[in-house]
Amino acid sequence: MDDNATRHYTPGTEHAGMGAGTLDQNRGPPSGMPGTADQTMQQAKSTANQAIEQAKTMARNIGEQARAAAADPGATAQELARRAREQAGTAGDVLYRQGQRAGEYLSENVNEYPLAALLIAGMIGYGLAFLIHSRWQTETAWRMDR
């Protein structure tokens, strides 16, 4: 049996080169040594307690916000309406600029390729007329079957 595996740690009995400070594998490290399971357990408890406190604080804040919103729903509705108006205004500006660019692009292409533009416009018109006419015929046939 290995001599170092059964030797116990006793403060003040360290000898250099003789397995100084080796521990009994069944007993584990003494409680005074750094990096022990007790310290790890304490750190885990501390971290868990901090997380619980943060969760409590967040829940408290959410509750206060909900109470404030419930206490004055008119102000909340006004705030939501104001935000929606701002976002709608911004979206409208973006759509206007995109439409303006598309119109400029289209007018440049129509001026550059007038025959192709005329053919495309004719195909679009024919397609719309076909859709309208076929729908009208379907509705008429459906009414006659009744």
C-alpha atoms as a PDB file:
ATOM      1  CA  MET A   1       0.000   0.000   0.000  1.00  0.00           C
ATOM      2  CA  ASP A   2       1.235   3.500  -0.819  1.00  0.00           C
ATOM      3  CA  ASP A   3       2.513   5.361   2.192  1.00  0.00           C
ATOM      4  CA  ASN A   4       1.372   8.777   0.870  1.00  0.00           C
ATOM      5  CA  ALA A   5      -2.249   7.684   0.350  1.00  0.00           C
ATOM      6  CA  THR A   6      -2.925   7.106   4.045  1.00  0.00           C
ATOM      7  CA  ARG A   7      -0.995   9.999   5.539  1.00  0.00           C
ATOM      8  CA  HIS A   8      -3.131  12.703   7.242  1.00  0.00           C
ATOM      9  CA  TYR A   9      -2.532  16.419   7.044  1.00  0.00           C
ATOM     10  CA  THR A  10      -1.434  17.890  10.327  1.00  0.00           C
ATOM     11  CA  PRO A  11      -0.452  21.568  10.417  1.00  0.00           C
ATOM     12  CA  GLY A  12       3.191  22.097  11.297  1.00  0.00           C
ATOM     13  CA  THR A  13       4.343  18.626  10.246  1.00  0.00           C
ATOM     14  CA  GLU A  14       5.248  19.410   6.641  1.00  0.00           C
ATOM     15  CA  HIS A  15       8.467  17.912   5.383  1.00  0.00           C
ATOM     16  CA  ALA A  16       9.855  18.831   2.012  1.00  0.00           C
ATOM     17  CA  GLY A  17      10.028  15.966  -0.425  1.00  0.00           C
ATOM     18  CA  MET A  18       8.118  13.501   1.800  1.00  0.00           C
ATOM     19  CA  GLY A  19       4.614  13.960   0.380  1.00  0.00           C
ATOM     20  CA  ALA A  20       4.054  16.965   2.599  1.00  0.00           C
ATOM     21  CA  GLY A  21       0.452  18.015   2.910  1.00  0.00           C
ATOM     22  CA  THR A  22      -1.024  14.888   1.317  1.00  0.00           C
ATOM     23  CA  LEU A  23      -4.530  14.037   2.398  1.00  0.00           C
ATOM     24  CA  ASP A  24      -6.502  11.001   3.346  1.00  0.00           C
ATOM     25  CA  GLN A  25      -8.701  10.309   0.312  1.00  0.00           C
ATOM     26  CA  ASN A  26     -11.635   9.280   2.508  1.00  0.00           C
ATOM     27  CA  ARG A  27     -11.622  12.427   4.661  1.00  0.00           C
ATOM     28  CA  GLY A  28     -11.097  15.132   1.987  1.00  0.00           C
ATOM     29  CA  PRO A  29      -9.281  18.411   2.551  1.00  0.00           C
ATOM     30  CA  PRO A  30      -9.457  20.130   5.902  1.00  0.00           C
ATOM     31  CA  SER A  31     -11.962  22.952   6.139  1.00  0.00           C
ATOM     32  CA  GLY A  32      -9.251  25.608   6.396  1.00  0.00           C
ATOM     33  CA  MET A  33      -7.735  24.944   2.957  1.00  0.00           C
ATOM     34  CA  PRO A  34      -8.696  27.241   0.053  1.00  0.00           C
ATOM     35  CA  GLY A  35     -10.883  25.894  -2.771  1.00  0.00           C
ATOM     36  CA  THR A  36     -12.826  23.470  -0.621  1.00  0.00           C
ATOM     37  CA  ALA A  37     -16.326  22.209  -1.220  1.00  0.00           C
ATOM     38  CA  ASP A  38     -17.593  24.421   1.625  1.00  0.00           C
ATOM     39  CA  GLN A  39     -16.339  27.543  -0.104  1.00  0.00           C
ATOM     40  CA  THR A  40     -17.801  26.416  -3.404  1.00  0.00           C
ATOM     41  CA  MET A  41     -21.120  25.776  -1.682  1.00  0.00           C
ATOM     42  CA  GLN A  42     -21.024  29.240  -0.085  1.00  0.00           C
ATOM     43  CA  GLN A  43     -20.290  30.856  -3.460  1.00  0.00           C
ATOM     44  CA  ALA A  44     -23.156  28.955  -5.058  1.00  0.00           C
ATOM     45  CA  LYS A  45     -25.516  30.047  -2.273  1.00  0.00           C
ATOM     46  CA  SER A  46     -24.366  33.638  -2.625  1.00  0.00           C
ATOM     47  CA  THR A  47     -24.887  33.582  -6.394  1.00  0.00           C
ATOM     48  CA  ALA A  48     -28.325  31.999  -5.986  1.00  0.00           C
ATOM     49  CA  ASN A  49     -29.320  34.595  -3.388  1.00  0.00           C
ATOM     50  CA  GLN A  50     -28.205  37.406  -5.691  1.00  0.00           C
ATOM     51  CA  ALA A  51     -30.236  35.943  -8.559  1.00  0.00           C
ATOM     52  CA  ILE A  52     -33.289  35.629  -6.315  1.00  0.00           C
ATOM     53  CA  GLU A  53     -32.926  39.241  -5.179  1.00  0.00           C
ATOM     54  CA  GLN A  54     -32.624  40.424  -8.789  1.00  0.00           C
ATOM     55  CA  ALA A  55     -35.730  38.453  -9.741  1.00  0.00           C
ATOM     56  CA  LYS A  56     -37.637  39.954  -6.808  1.00  0.00           C
ATOM     57  CA  THR A  57     -36.546  43.451  -7.814  1.00  0.00           C
ATOM     58  CA  MET A  58     -37.575  42.880 -11.425  1.00  0.00           C
ATOM     59  CA  ALA A  59     -40.949  41.490 -10.353  1.00  0.00           C
ATOM     60  CA  ARG A  60     -41.478  44.476  -8.075  1.00  0.00           C
ATOM     61  CA  ASN A  61     -40.647  46.897 -10.915  1.00  0.00           C
ATOM     62  CA  ILE A  62     -42.986  45.139 -13.326  1.00  0.00           C
ATOM     63  CA  GLY A  63     -45.742  45.203 -10.723  1.00  0.00           C
ATOM     64  CA  GLU A  64     -45.256  48.919 -10.174  1.00  0.00           C
ATOM     65  CA  GLN A  65     -45.373  49.571 -13.915  1.00  0.00           C
ATOM     66  CA  ALA A  66     -48.537  47.508 -14.254  1.00  0.00           C
ATOM     67  CA  ARG A  67     -50.154  49.379 -11.359  1.00  0.00           C
ATOM     68  CA  ALA A  68     -49.200  52.717 -12.899  1.00  0.00           C
ATOM     69  CA  ALA A  69     -50.618  51.665 -16.270  1.00  0.00           C
ATOM     70  CA  ALA A  70     -53.814  50.392 -14.657  1.00  0.00           C
ATOM     71  CA  ALA A  71     -54.185  53.536 -12.563  1.00  0.00           C
ATOM     72  CA  ASP A  72     -54.113  55.836 -15.593  1.00  0.00           C
ATOM     73  CA  PRO A  73     -55.169  53.927 -18.714  1.00  0.00           C
ATOM     74  CA  GLY A  74     -55.965  57.156 -20.536  1.00  0.00           C
ATOM     75  CA  ALA A  75     -52.374  58.322 -20.310  1.00  0.00           C
ATOM     76  CA  THR A  76     -51.146  54.922 -21.448  1.00  0.00           C
ATOM     77  CA  ALA A  77     -53.498  54.956 -24.425  1.00  0.00           C
ATOM     78  CA  GLN A  78     -52.379  58.483 -25.290  1.00  0.00           C
ATOM     79  CA  GLU A  79     -48.736  57.437 -25.123  1.00  0.00           C
ATOM     80  CA  LEU A  80     -49.397  54.441 -27.369  1.00  0.00           C
ATOM     81  CA  ALA A  81     -51.296  56.639 -29.820  1.00  0.00           C
ATOM     82  CA  ARG A  82     -48.460  59.168 -29.868  1.00  0.00           C
ATOM     83  CA  ARG A  83     -45.901  56.429 -30.578  1.00  0.00           C
ATOM     84  CA  ALA A  84     -48.098  54.957 -33.321  1.00  0.00           C
ATOM     85  CA  ARG A  85     -48.474  58.401 -34.908  1.00  0.00           C
ATOM     86  CA  GLU A  86     -44.704  58.943 -34.890  1.00  0.00           C
ATOM     87  CA  GLN A  87     -44.054  55.530 -36.403  1.00  0.00           C
ATOM     88  CA  ALA A  88     -46.773  55.998 -39.014  1.00  0.00           C
ATOM     89  CA  GLY A  89     -45.311  59.377 -39.959  1.00  0.00           C
ATOM     90  CA  THR A  90     -41.863  57.870 -40.364  1.00  0.00           C
ATOM     91  CA  ALA A  91     -43.212  54.952 -42.395  1.00  0.00           C
ATOM     92  CA  GLY A  92     -45.186  57.371 -44.578  1.00  0.00           C
ATOM     93  CA  ASP A  93     -42.065  59.401 -45.301  1.00  0.00           C
ATOM     94  CA  VAL A  94     -40.132  56.272 -46.261  1.00  0.00           C
ATOM     95  CA  LEU A  95     -42.941  55.051 -48.536  1.00  0.00           C
ATOM     96  CA  TYR A  96     -43.220  58.474 -50.165  1.00  0.00           C
ATOM     97  CA  ARG A  97     -39.487  58.556 -50.936  1.00  0.00           C
ATOM     98  CA  GLN A  98     -39.586  55.014 -52.345  1.00  0.00           C
ATOM     99  CA  GLY A  99     -42.576  55.881 -54.515  1.00  0.00           C
ATOM    100  CA  GLN A 100     -40.844  59.003 -55.733  1.00  0.00           C
ATOM    101  CA  ARG A 101     -37.719  57.015 -56.686  1.00  0.00           C
ATOM    102  CA  ALA A 102     -39.831  54.355 -58.419  1.00  0.00           C
ATOM    103  CA  GLY A 103     -41.659  57.048 -60.399  1.00  0.00           C
ATOM    104  CA  GLU A 104     -38.389  58.638 -61.471  1.00  0.00           C
ATOM    105  CA  TYR A 105     -37.008  55.246 -62.509  1.00  0.00           C
ATOM    106  CA  LEU A 106     -40.164  54.421 -64.443  1.00  0.00           C
ATOM    107  CA  SER A 107     -40.276  57.765 -66.252  1.00  0.00           C
ATOM    108  CA  GLU A 108     -36.589  57.449 -67.225  1.00  0.00           C
ATOM    109  CA  ASN A 109     -37.195  53.967 -68.647  1.00  0.00           C
ATOM    110  CA  VAL A 110     -40.371  55.031 -70.474  1.00  0.00           C
ATOM    111  CA  ASN A 111     -38.499  57.942 -72.074  1.00  0.00           C
ATOM    112  CA  GLU A 112     -35.580  55.688 -73.002  1.00  0.00           C
ATOM    113  CA  TYR A 113     -37.641  52.704 -74.282  1.00  0.00           C
ATOM    114  CA  PRO A 114     -41.060  53.984 -75.396  1.00  0.00           C
ATOM    115  CA  LEU A 115     -42.019  50.948 -77.531  1.00  0.00           C
ATOM    116  CA  ALA A 116     -41.229  48.456 -74.731  1.00  0.00           C
ATOM    117  CA  ALA A 117     -43.173  50.616 -72.257  1.00  0.00           C
ATOM    118  CA  LEU A 118     -46.174  50.656 -74.601  1.00  0.00           C
ATOM    119  CA  LEU A 119     -46.065  46.864 -74.979  1.00  0.00           C
ATOM    120  CA  ILE A 120     -45.797  46.332 -71.227  1.00  0.00           C
ATOM    121  CA  ALA A 121     -48.683  48.727 -70.560  1.00  0.00           C
ATOM    122  CA  GLY A 122     -50.790  46.885 -73.158  1.00  0.00           C
ATOM    123  CA  MET A 123     -50.027  43.490 -71.566  1.00  0.00           C
ATOM    124  CA  ILE A 124     -50.954  44.794 -68.116  1.00  0.00           C
ATOM    125  CA  GLY A 125     -54.215  46.227 -69.468  1.00  0.00           C
ATOM    126  CA  TYR A 126     -55.073  42.990 -71.266  1.00  0.00           C
ATOM    127  CA  GLY A 127     -54.322  40.961 -68.099  1.00  0.00           C
ATOM    128  CA  LEU A 128     -56.587  43.149 -65.970  1.00  0.00           C
ATOM    129  CA  ALA A 129     -59.356  43.023 -68.554  1.00  0.00           C
ATOM    130  CA  PHE A 130     -59.077  39.222 -68.720  1.00  0.00           C
ATOM    131  CA  LEU A 131     -59.310  38.922 -64.922  1.00  0.00           C
ATOM    132  CA  ILE A 132     -62.324  41.216 -64.726  1.00  0.00           C
ATOM    133  CA  HIS A 133     -64.083  39.556 -67.654  1.00  0.00           C
ATOM    134  CA  SER A 134     -63.460  36.009 -66.401  1.00  0.00           C
ATOM    135  CA  ARG A 135     -64.738  36.940 -62.942  1.00  0.00           C
ATOM    136  CA  TRP A 136     -67.829  38.521 -64.458  1.00  0.00           C
ATOM    137  CA  GLN A 137     -68.506  35.387 -66.518  1.00  0.00           C
ATOM    138  CA  THR A 138     -68.037  33.135 -63.476  1.00  0.00           C
ATOM    139  CA  GLU A 139     -70.493  35.200 -61.422  1.00  0.00           C
ATOM    140  CA  THR A 140     -73.018  35.217 -64.246  1.00  0.00           C
ATOM    141  CA  ALA A 141     -72.759  31.444 -64.710  1.00  0.00           C
ATOM    142  CA  TRP A 142     -73.083  30.914 -60.979  1.00  0.00           C
ATOM    143  CA  ARG A 143     -76.256  33.006 -60.842  1.00  0.00           C
ATOM    144  CA  MET A 144     -77.785  31.130 -63.779  1.00  0.00           C
ATOM    145  CA  ASP A 145     -77.185  27.780 -62.064  1.00  0.00           C
ATOM    146  CA  ARG A 146     -79.279  28.791 -59.104  1.00  0.00           C
END
